[in-house]
Amino acid sequence: MDDTLRYALVVAVMGLAAVGAYLYWQRQKNATADEAERRRMQRKRQTENKNDKSASRPAARPAGFGRR
């Protein structure tokens, strides 16, 4: 009986360790994906800022503008 309980305890501990390792792996994978998404959004914002700056330049004036 003692051997059976020891075996059950070892199996339970191994199972908990496997579940813990899997959850840790998932969390790390999600953190990596979140970091990649954050970098992608940062690049997108930088590109949008560049486009906004170039779009805000004054337009060329038509010929004869301001002359009388």
C-alpha atoms as a PDB file:
ATOM      1  CA  MET A   1       0.000   0.000   0.000  1.00  0.00           C
ATOM      2  CA  ASP A   2       2.856   2.364   0.808  1.00  0.00           C
ATOM      3  CA  ASP A   3       4.357   1.880  -2.663  1.00  0.00           C
ATOM      4  CA  THR A   4       1.017   2.624  -4.313  1.00  0.00           C
ATOM      5  CA  LEU A   5       0.623   5.898  -2.400  1.00  0.00           C
ATOM      6  CA  ARG A   6       4.189   6.912  -3.204  1.00  0.00           C
ATOM      7  CA  TYR A   7       3.601   6.142  -6.894  1.00  0.00           C
ATOM      8  CA  ALA A   8       0.342   8.153  -6.894  1.00  0.00           C
ATOM      9  CA  LEU A   9       2.083  11.075  -5.191  1.00  0.00           C
ATOM     10  CA  VAL A  10       4.937  11.051  -7.730  1.00  0.00           C
ATOM     11  CA  VAL A  11       2.477  10.934 -10.635  1.00  0.00           C
ATOM     12  CA  ALA A  12       0.453  13.806  -9.133  1.00  0.00           C
ATOM     13  CA  VAL A  13       3.563  15.951  -8.619  1.00  0.00           C
ATOM     14  CA  MET A  14       4.747  15.246 -12.162  1.00  0.00           C
ATOM     15  CA  GLY A  15       1.312  16.168 -13.504  1.00  0.00           C
ATOM     16  CA  LEU A  16       1.293  19.453 -11.578  1.00  0.00           C
ATOM     17  CA  ALA A  17       4.810  20.222 -12.798  1.00  0.00           C
ATOM     18  CA  ALA A  18       3.745  19.562 -16.392  1.00  0.00           C
ATOM     19  CA  VAL A  19       0.692  21.823 -16.054  1.00  0.00           C
ATOM     20  CA  GLY A  20       2.814  24.557 -14.468  1.00  0.00           C
ATOM     21  CA  ALA A  21       5.411  24.318 -17.226  1.00  0.00           C
ATOM     22  CA  TYR A  22       2.698  24.486 -19.894  1.00  0.00           C
ATOM     23  CA  LEU A  23       1.108  27.565 -18.311  1.00  0.00           C
ATOM     24  CA  TYR A  24       4.506  29.256 -18.016  1.00  0.00           C
ATOM     25  CA  TRP A  25       5.226  28.480 -21.672  1.00  0.00           C
ATOM     26  CA  GLN A  26       1.867  29.923 -22.760  1.00  0.00           C
ATOM     27  CA  ARG A  27       2.460  33.081 -20.744  1.00  0.00           C
ATOM     28  CA  GLN A  28       5.906  33.547 -22.278  1.00  0.00           C
ATOM     29  CA  LYS A  29       4.511  32.952 -25.768  1.00  0.00           C
ATOM     30  CA  ASN A  30       1.761  35.519 -25.201  1.00  0.00           C
ATOM     31  CA  ALA A  31       4.257  38.033 -23.820  1.00  0.00           C
ATOM     32  CA  THR A  32       6.392  37.606 -26.939  1.00  0.00           C
ATOM     33  CA  ALA A  33       3.355  38.098 -29.180  1.00  0.00           C
ATOM     34  CA  ASP A  34       2.301  41.172 -27.180  1.00  0.00           C
ATOM     35  CA  GLU A  35       5.791  42.649 -27.520  1.00  0.00           C
ATOM     36  CA  ALA A  36       5.753  42.063 -31.278  1.00  0.00           C
ATOM     37  CA  GLU A  37       2.321  43.691 -31.518  1.00  0.00           C
ATOM     38  CA  ARG A  38       3.533  46.659 -29.460  1.00  0.00           C
ATOM     39  CA  ARG A  39       6.531  47.141 -31.775  1.00  0.00           C
ATOM     40  CA  ARG A  40       4.296  46.848 -34.859  1.00  0.00           C
ATOM     41  CA  MET A  41       1.904  49.477 -33.522  1.00  0.00           C
ATOM     42  CA  GLN A  42       4.813  51.752 -32.622  1.00  0.00           C
ATOM     43  CA  ARG A  43       6.167  51.502 -36.176  1.00  0.00           C
ATOM     44  CA  LYS A  44       2.682  52.173 -37.527  1.00  0.00           C
ATOM     45  CA  ARG A  45       2.337  55.297 -35.359  1.00  0.00           C
ATOM     46  CA  GLN A  46       5.751  56.548 -36.462  1.00  0.00           C
ATOM     47  CA  THR A  47       4.791  56.073 -40.099  1.00  0.00           C
ATOM     48  CA  GLU A  48       1.490  57.862 -39.545  1.00  0.00           C
ATOM     49  CA  ASN A  49       3.301  60.730 -37.834  1.00  0.00           C
ATOM     50  CA  LYS A  50       5.657  61.060 -40.795  1.00  0.00           C
ATOM     51  CA  ASN A  51       2.710  61.074 -43.183  1.00  0.00           C
ATOM     52  CA  ASP A  52       0.903  63.667 -41.083  1.00  0.00           C
ATOM     53  CA  LYS A  53       3.933  65.948 -41.073  1.00  0.00           C
ATOM     54  CA  SER A  54       4.377  65.753 -44.823  1.00  0.00           C
ATOM     55  CA  ALA A  55       0.646  66.244 -45.405  1.00  0.00           C
ATOM     56  CA  SER A  56       0.582  69.374 -43.246  1.00  0.00           C
ATOM     57  CA  ARG A  57       2.985  71.288 -45.501  1.00  0.00           C
ATOM     58  CA  PRO A  58       1.421  74.346 -47.056  1.00  0.00           C
ATOM     59  CA  ALA A  59       0.022  73.740 -50.487  1.00  0.00           C
ATOM     60  CA  ALA A  60       1.557  75.460 -53.492  1.00  0.00           C
ATOM     61  CA  ARG A  61      -0.138  78.748 -54.227  1.00  0.00           C
ATOM     62  CA  PRO A  62      -1.820  79.226 -57.568  1.00  0.00           C
ATOM     63  CA  ALA A  63      -0.182  81.550 -60.086  1.00  0.00           C
ATOM     64  CA  GLY A  64      -0.951  85.176 -59.424  1.00  0.00           C
ATOM     65  CA  PHE A  65      -1.958  84.610 -55.830  1.00  0.00           C
ATOM     66  CA  GLY A  66      -1.713  87.823 -53.819  1.00  0.00           C
ATOM     67  CA  ARG A  67      -0.935  90.052 -56.776  1.00  0.00           C
ATOM     68  CA  ARG A  68      -3.015  92.979 -57.866  1.00  0.00           C
END
